[in-house]
PDB file of N, CA and C in Angstrom:
ATOM      1  N   MET A   1     -15.800 137.392 205.227  1.00  0.00           N
ATOM      2  CA  MET A   1     -16.000 136.057 204.860  1.00  0.00           C
ATOM      3  C   MET A   1     -16.211 135.937 203.335  1.00  0.00           C
ATOM      4  N   LYS A   2     -15.303 135.064 202.743  1.00  0.00           N
ATOM      5  CA  LYS A   2     -15.303 134.868 201.297  1.00  0.00           C
ATOM      6  C   LYS A   2     -16.136 133.672 200.984  1.00  0.00           C
ATOM      7  N   CYS A   3     -17.057 133.996 200.015  1.00  0.00           N
ATOM      8  CA  CYS A   3     -18.022 132.983 199.531  1.00  0.00           C
ATOM      9  C   CYS A   3     -17.685 132.481 198.120  1.00  0.00           C
ATOM     10  N   ASP A   4     -17.867 131.156 197.909  1.00  0.00           N
ATOM     11  CA  ASP A   4     -17.542 130.607 196.616  1.00  0.00           C
ATOM     12  C   ASP A   4     -19.052 130.643 195.949  1.00  0.00           C
ATOM     13  N   PHE A   5     -19.315 131.626 195.118  1.00  0.00           N
ATOM     14  CA  PHE A   5     -20.589 131.833 194.507  1.00  0.00           C
ATOM     15  C   PHE A   5     -20.940 130.793 193.506  1.00  0.00           C
ATOM     16  N   ASN A   6     -19.865 130.281 192.817  1.00  0.00           N
ATOM     17  CA  ASN A   6     -20.119 129.247 191.818  1.00  0.00           C
ATOM     18  C   ASN A   6     -20.647 127.950 192.435  1.00  0.00           C
ATOM     19  N   ALA A   7     -20.060 127.605 193.529  1.00  0.00           N
ATOM     20  CA  ALA A   7     -20.521 126.451 194.368  1.00  0.00           C
ATOM     21  C   ALA A   7     -21.870 126.714 194.964  1.00  0.00           C
ATOM     22  N   PHE A   8     -22.121 127.954 195.395  1.00  0.00           N
ATOM     23  CA  PHE A   8     -23.483 128.227 195.932  1.00  0.00           C
ATOM     24  C   PHE A   8     -24.519 128.142 194.807  1.00  0.00           C
ATOM     25  N   LYS A   9     -24.210 128.743 193.600  1.00  0.00           N
ATOM     26  CA  LYS A   9     -25.129 128.651 192.650  1.00  0.00           C
ATOM     27  C   LYS A   9     -25.448 127.156 192.136  1.00  0.00           C
ATOM     28  N   ARG A  10     -24.381 126.277 192.078  1.00  0.00           N
ATOM     29  CA  ARG A  10     -24.564 124.947 191.846  1.00  0.00           C
ATOM     30  C   ARG A  10     -25.431 124.328 192.851  1.00  0.00           C
ATOM     31  N   ASP A  11     -25.201 124.532 194.078  1.00  0.00           N
ATOM     32  CA  ASP A  11     -26.000 123.917 195.204  1.00  0.00           C
ATOM     33  C   ASP A  11     -27.522 124.420 195.089  1.00  0.00           C
ATOM     34  N   ILE A  12     -27.722 125.787 194.726  1.00  0.00           N
ATOM     35  CA  ILE A  12     -29.152 126.229 194.507  1.00  0.00           C
ATOM     36  C   ILE A  12     -29.770 125.554 193.379  1.00  0.00           C
ATOM     37  N   GLY A  13     -29.109 125.428 192.365  1.00  0.00           N
ATOM     38  CA  GLY A  13     -29.610 124.722 191.055  1.00  0.00           C
ATOM     39  C   GLY A  13     -30.044 123.389 191.383  1.00  0.00           C
ATOM     40  N   LYS A  14     -29.154 122.561 192.146  1.00  0.00           N
ATOM     41  CA  LYS A  14     -29.591 121.213 192.483  1.00  0.00           C
ATOM     42  C   LYS A  14     -30.784 121.136 193.331  1.00  0.00           C
ATOM     43  N   GLU A  15     -30.807 122.093 194.373  1.00  0.00           N
ATOM     44  CA  GLU A  15     -31.940 122.203 195.291  1.00  0.00           C
ATOM     45  C   GLU A  15     -33.268 122.475 194.516  1.00  0.00           C
ATOM     46  N   ILE A  16     -33.158 123.448 193.537  1.00  0.00           N
ATOM     47  CA  ILE A  16     -34.415 123.822 192.767  1.00  0.00           C
ATOM     48  C   ILE A  16     -34.823 122.655 191.978  1.00  0.00           C
ATOM     49  N   LYS A  17     -33.816 121.960 191.209  1.00  0.00           N
ATOM     50  CA  LYS A  17     -34.210 120.914 190.414  1.00  0.00           C
ATOM     51  C   LYS A  17     -34.880 119.736 191.188  1.00  0.00           C
ATOM     52  N   THR A  18     -34.380 119.502 192.409  1.00  0.00           N
ATOM     53  CA  THR A  18     -34.966 118.425 193.231  1.00  0.00           C
ATOM     54  C   THR A  18     -36.373 118.774 193.607  1.00  0.00           C
ATOM     55  N   MET A  19     -36.605 120.170 193.867  1.00  0.00           N
ATOM     56  CA  MET A  19     -37.957 120.569 194.338  1.00  0.00           C
ATOM     57  C   MET A  19     -38.895 120.565 193.207  1.00  0.00           C
ATOM     58  N   HIS A  20     -38.471 120.870 191.996  1.00  0.00           N
ATOM     59  CA  HIS A  20     -39.297 120.856 190.751  1.00  0.00           C
ATOM     60  C   HIS A  20     -39.661 119.428 190.522  1.00  0.00           C
ATOM     61  N   GLU A  21     -38.727 118.351 190.650  1.00  0.00           N
ATOM     62  CA  GLU A  21     -39.001 116.990 190.414  1.00  0.00           C
ATOM     63  C   GLU A  21     -40.078 116.528 191.409  1.00  0.00           C
ATOM     64  N   LYS A  22     -39.892 116.954 192.737  1.00  0.00           N
ATOM     65  CA  LYS A  22     -40.781 116.504 193.734  1.00  0.00           C
ATOM     66  C   LYS A  22     -42.246 117.189 193.487  1.00  0.00           C
ATOM     67  N   LEU A  23     -42.306 118.366 192.952  1.00  0.00           N
ATOM     68  CA  LEU A  23     -43.566 119.065 192.730  1.00  0.00           C
ATOM     69  C   LEU A  23     -44.217 118.402 191.500  1.00  0.00           C
ATOM     70  N   ASP A  24     -43.457 118.082 190.455  1.00  0.00           N
ATOM     71  CA  ASP A  24     -44.006 117.379 189.247  1.00  0.00           C
ATOM     72  C   ASP A  24     -44.626 116.066 189.748  1.00  0.00           C
ATOM     73  N   LEU A  25     -43.964 115.339 190.639  1.00  0.00           N
ATOM     74  CA  LEU A  25     -44.418 113.991 191.118  1.00  0.00           C
ATOM     75  C   LEU A  25     -45.734 114.202 191.891  1.00  0.00           C
ATOM     76  N   LEU A  26     -45.745 115.274 192.680  1.00  0.00           N
ATOM     77  CA  LEU A  26     -46.974 115.649 193.499  1.00  0.00           C
ATOM     78  C   LEU A  26     -48.147 115.945 192.570  1.00  0.00           C
ATOM     79  N   LEU A  27     -47.857 116.682 191.567  1.00  0.00           N
ATOM     80  CA  LEU A  27     -48.913 117.095 190.588  1.00  0.00           C
ATOM     81  C   LEU A  27     -49.389 115.908 189.783  1.00  0.00           C
ATOM     82  N   LYS A  28     -48.567 114.938 189.516  1.00  0.00           N
ATOM     83  CA  LYS A  28     -48.937 113.807 188.761  1.00  0.00           C
ATOM     84  C   LYS A  28     -49.815 112.866 189.610  1.00  0.00           C
ATOM     85  N   GLN A  29     -49.538 112.837 191.018  1.00  0.00           N
ATOM     86  CA  GLN A  29     -50.219 111.910 191.910  1.00  0.00           C
ATOM     87  C   GLN A  29     -51.663 112.519 192.121  1.00  0.00           C
ATOM     88  N   THR A  30     -51.835 113.779 192.088  1.00  0.00           N
ATOM     89  CA  THR A  30     -53.106 114.456 192.417  1.00  0.00           C
ATOM     90  C   THR A  30     -53.808 115.032 191.139  1.00  0.00           C
ATOM     91  N   SER A  31     -53.448 114.583 189.934  1.00  0.00           N
ATOM     92  CA  SER A  31     -53.999 115.107 188.777  1.00  0.00           C
ATOM     93  C   SER A  31     -55.496 114.752 188.579  1.00  0.00           C
ATOM     94  N   CYS A  32     -56.234 115.531 187.855  1.00  0.00           N
ATOM     95  CA  CYS A  32     -57.580 115.337 187.774  1.00  0.00           C
ATOM     96  C   CYS A  32     -57.921 115.351 186.213  1.00  0.00           C
ATOM     97  N   ASP A  33     -59.020 114.705 185.778  1.00  0.00           N
ATOM     98  CA  ASP A  33     -59.434 114.659 184.481  1.00  0.00           C
ATOM     99  C   ASP A  33     -60.253 115.972 184.130  1.00  0.00           C
ATOM    100  N   LYS A  34     -60.731 116.058 182.994  1.00  0.00           N
ATOM    101  CA  LYS A  34     -61.485 117.238 182.558  1.00  0.00           C
ATOM    102  C   LYS A  34     -62.789 117.427 183.258  1.00  0.00           C
ATOM    103  N   ASN A  35     -63.377 116.296 183.822  1.00  0.00           N
ATOM    104  CA  ASN A  35     -64.540 116.409 184.645  1.00  0.00           C
ATOM    105  C   ASN A  35     -64.377 116.576 186.109  1.00  0.00           C
ATOM    106  N   GLY A  36     -63.134 116.667 186.539  1.00  0.00           N
ATOM    107  CA  GLY A  36     -62.711 117.152 188.000  1.00  0.00           C
ATOM    108  C   GLY A  36     -62.733 115.872 188.884  1.00  0.00           C
ATOM    109  N   ASN A  37     -62.564 114.660 188.173  1.00  0.00           N
ATOM    110  CA  ASN A  37     -62.526 113.378 188.981  1.00  0.00           C
ATOM    111  C   ASN A  37     -61.043 113.149 189.192  1.00  0.00           C
ATOM    112  N   GLY A  38     -60.609 112.933 190.374  1.00  0.00           N
ATOM    113  CA  GLY A  38     -59.164 112.699 190.684  1.00  0.00           C
ATOM    114  C   GLY A  38     -58.779 111.415 190.039  1.00  0.00           C
ATOM    115  N   SER A  39     -57.408 111.238 189.835  1.00  0.00           N
ATOM    116  CA  SER A  39     -56.918 110.093 189.341  1.00  0.00           C
ATOM    117  C   SER A  39     -56.973 108.837 190.339  1.00  0.00           C
ATOM    118  N   ARG A  40     -56.722 107.733 189.853  1.00  0.00           N
ATOM    119  CA  ARG A  40     -56.732 106.499 190.670  1.00  0.00           C
ATOM    120  C   ARG A  40     -55.723 106.694 191.766  1.00  0.00           C
ATOM    121  N   LYS A  41     -54.538 107.332 191.432  1.00  0.00           N
ATOM    122  CA  LYS A  41     -53.559 107.340 192.325  1.00  0.00           C
ATOM    123  C   LYS A  41     -53.805 108.224 193.464  1.00  0.00           C
ATOM    124  N   ALA A  42     -54.636 109.377 193.094  1.00  0.00           N
ATOM    125  CA  ALA A  42     -54.804 110.339 194.164  1.00  0.00           C
ATOM    126  C   ALA A  42     -55.939 109.806 195.019  1.00  0.00           C
ATOM    127  N   LYS A  43     -56.884 108.877 194.514  1.00  0.00           N
ATOM    128  CA  LYS A  43     -57.951 108.327 195.267  1.00  0.00           C
ATOM    129  C   LYS A  43     -57.363 107.277 196.242  1.00  0.00           C
ATOM    130  N   GLU A  44     -56.396 106.540 195.662  1.00  0.00           N
ATOM    131  CA  GLU A  44     -55.843 105.417 196.467  1.00  0.00           C
ATOM    132  C   GLU A  44     -54.865 105.942 197.571  1.00  0.00           C
ATOM    133  N   LYS A  45     -54.286 107.118 197.304  1.00  0.00           N
ATOM    134  CA  LYS A  45     -53.272 107.666 198.379  1.00  0.00           C
ATOM    135  C   LYS A  45     -54.124 108.160 199.480  1.00  0.00           C
ATOM    136  N   THR A  46     -53.729 107.755 200.651  1.00  0.00           N
ATOM    137  CA  THR A  46     -54.230 108.255 201.924  1.00  0.00           C
ATOM    138  C   THR A  46     -53.020 108.949 202.717  1.00  0.00           C
ATOM    139  N   ILE A  47     -53.423 109.973 203.366  1.00  0.00           N
ATOM    140  CA  ILE A  47     -52.369 110.755 204.165  1.00  0.00           C
ATOM    141  C   ILE A  47     -52.615 110.685 205.723  1.00  0.00           C
ATOM    142  N   SER A  48     -51.754 110.042 206.356  1.00  0.00           N
ATOM    143  CA  SER A  48     -52.009 109.811 207.737  1.00  0.00           C
ATOM    144  C   SER A  48     -51.645 111.240 208.470  1.00  0.00           C
ATOM    145  N   ASN A  49     -52.032 111.352 209.669  1.00  0.00           N
ATOM    146  CA  ASN A  49     -51.745 112.527 210.439  1.00  0.00           C
ATOM    147  C   ASN A  49     -50.158 112.817 210.581  1.00  0.00           C
ATOM    148  N   GLU A  50     -49.467 111.723 210.557  1.00  0.00           N
ATOM    149  CA  GLU A  50     -47.964 111.790 210.775  1.00  0.00           C
ATOM    150  C   GLU A  50     -47.278 112.414 209.645  1.00  0.00           C
ATOM    151  N   GLU A  51     -47.913 112.183 208.393  1.00  0.00           N
ATOM    152  CA  GLU A  51     -47.213 112.624 207.251  1.00  0.00           C
ATOM    153  C   GLU A  51     -47.245 114.132 207.091  1.00  0.00           C
ATOM    154  N   VAL A  52     -46.219 114.704 206.432  1.00  0.00           N
ATOM    155  CA  VAL A  52     -46.192 116.180 206.175  1.00  0.00           C
ATOM    156  C   VAL A  52     -46.765 116.309 204.790  1.00  0.00           C
ATOM    157  N   ASP A  53     -47.483 117.497 204.728  1.00  0.00           N
ATOM    158  CA  ASP A  53     -48.009 117.922 203.351  1.00  0.00           C
ATOM    159  C   ASP A  53     -46.870 118.257 202.397  1.00  0.00           C
ATOM    160  N   PRO A  54     -46.688 117.637 201.340  1.00  0.00           N
ATOM    161  CA  PRO A  54     -45.537 117.935 200.410  1.00  0.00           C
ATOM    162  C   PRO A  54     -45.591 119.272 199.881  1.00  0.00           C
ATOM    163  N   LYS A  55     -46.723 119.786 199.569  1.00  0.00           N
ATOM    164  CA  LYS A  55     -46.763 121.154 199.124  1.00  0.00           C
ATOM    165  C   LYS A  55     -46.253 122.146 200.079  1.00  0.00           C
ATOM    166  N   LYS A  56     -46.762 121.973 201.315  1.00  0.00           N
ATOM    167  CA  LYS A  56     -46.193 122.888 202.332  1.00  0.00           C
ATOM    168  C   LYS A  56     -44.711 122.655 202.603  1.00  0.00           C
ATOM    169  N   MET A  57     -44.164 121.566 202.458  1.00  0.00           N
ATOM    170  CA  MET A  57     -42.802 121.274 202.706  1.00  0.00           C
ATOM    171  C   MET A  57     -42.026 121.912 201.514  1.00  0.00           C
ATOM    172  N   PHE A  58     -42.435 121.833 200.405  1.00  0.00           N
ATOM    173  CA  PHE A  58     -41.903 122.361 199.167  1.00  0.00           C
ATOM    174  C   PHE A  58     -41.767 123.891 199.301  1.00  0.00           C
ATOM    175  N   LEU A  59     -42.856 124.555 199.773  1.00  0.00           N
ATOM    176  CA  LEU A  59     -42.992 126.020 199.909  1.00  0.00           C
ATOM    177  C   LEU A  59     -41.960 126.367 201.088  1.00  0.00           C
ATOM    178  N   ALA A  60     -41.858 125.654 202.119  1.00  0.00           N
ATOM    179  CA  ALA A  60     -41.021 126.034 203.131  1.00  0.00           C
ATOM    180  C   ALA A  60     -39.537 125.986 202.779  1.00  0.00           C
ATOM    181  N   LYS A  61     -39.234 124.926 202.034  1.00  0.00           N
ATOM    182  CA  LYS A  61     -37.861 124.889 201.467  1.00  0.00           C
ATOM    183  C   LYS A  61     -37.490 125.949 200.547  1.00  0.00           C
ATOM    184  N   LEU A  62     -38.573 126.449 199.631  1.00  0.00           N
ATOM    185  CA  LEU A  62     -38.442 127.605 198.791  1.00  0.00           C
ATOM    186  C   LEU A  62     -38.136 128.807 199.705  1.00  0.00           C
ATOM    187  N   ARG A  63     -38.950 128.970 200.626  1.00  0.00           N
ATOM    188  CA  ARG A  63     -38.704 130.209 201.510  1.00  0.00           C
ATOM    189  C   ARG A  63     -37.308 130.273 202.079  1.00  0.00           C
ATOM    190  N   LYS A  64     -36.852 129.095 202.632  1.00  0.00           N
ATOM    191  CA  LYS A  64     -35.546 129.061 203.231  1.00  0.00           C
ATOM    192  C   LYS A  64     -34.499 129.434 202.212  1.00  0.00           C
ATOM    193  N   LEU A  65     -34.552 128.846 200.995  1.00  0.00           N
ATOM    194  CA  LEU A  65     -33.737 129.209 199.858  1.00  0.00           C
ATOM    195  C   LEU A  65     -33.696 130.542 199.612  1.00  0.00           C
ATOM    196  N   LYS A  66     -34.913 131.316 199.501  1.00  0.00           N
ATOM    197  CA  LYS A  66     -35.027 132.652 199.243  1.00  0.00           C
ATOM    198  C   LYS A  66     -34.302 133.533 200.332  1.00  0.00           C
ATOM    199  N   VAL A  67     -34.442 133.084 201.650  1.00  0.00           N
ATOM    200  CA  VAL A  67     -33.701 133.780 202.720  1.00  0.00           C
ATOM    201  C   VAL A  67     -32.192 133.597 202.493  1.00  0.00           C
ATOM    202  N   LYS A  68     -31.756 132.459 202.217  1.00  0.00           N
ATOM    203  CA  LYS A  68     -30.239 132.256 201.950  1.00  0.00           C
ATOM    204  C   LYS A  68     -29.732 133.175 200.764  1.00  0.00           C
ATOM    205  N   ILE A  69     -30.523 133.322 199.757  1.00  0.00           N
ATOM    206  CA  ILE A  69     -30.095 134.207 198.721  1.00  0.00           C
ATOM    207  C   ILE A  69     -30.163 135.620 199.091  1.00  0.00           C
ATOM    208  N   THR A  70     -31.121 135.971 199.807  1.00  0.00           N
ATOM    209  CA  THR A  70     -31.276 137.350 200.302  1.00  0.00           C
ATOM    210  C   THR A  70     -30.066 137.747 201.356  1.00  0.00           C
ATOM    211  N   LEU A  71     -29.600 136.772 202.114  1.00  0.00           N
ATOM    212  CA  LEU A  71     -28.622 137.115 202.963  1.00  0.00           C
ATOM    213  C   LEU A  71     -27.288 137.192 202.346  1.00  0.00           C
ATOM    214  N   LEU A  72     -27.070 136.419 201.384  1.00  0.00           N
ATOM    215  CA  LEU A  72     -25.748 136.510 200.511  1.00  0.00           C
ATOM    216  C   LEU A  72     -25.655 137.671 199.539  1.00  0.00           C
ATOM    217  N   THR A  73     -26.698 138.244 199.224  1.00  0.00           N
ATOM    218  CA  THR A  73     -26.586 139.304 198.291  1.00  0.00           C
ATOM    219  C   THR A  73     -26.637 140.662 198.903  1.00  0.00           C
TER     220      THR A  73
END
């Protein structure tokens, strides 16, 4: 099976960039000041049982990506 590694690298780059942007947004939403008080956004944001934890989702995608890279090398 022949692979187009340039296309694969491009796809991985896009996926990683997207994950970094989502992680940055998550960190901004849950940022704390120097006294340890959460920001207003974090206090106002409520998570229902149906929502998925973004950090866990990010880590799961990262693990899947790592498996893909391992399989192709």
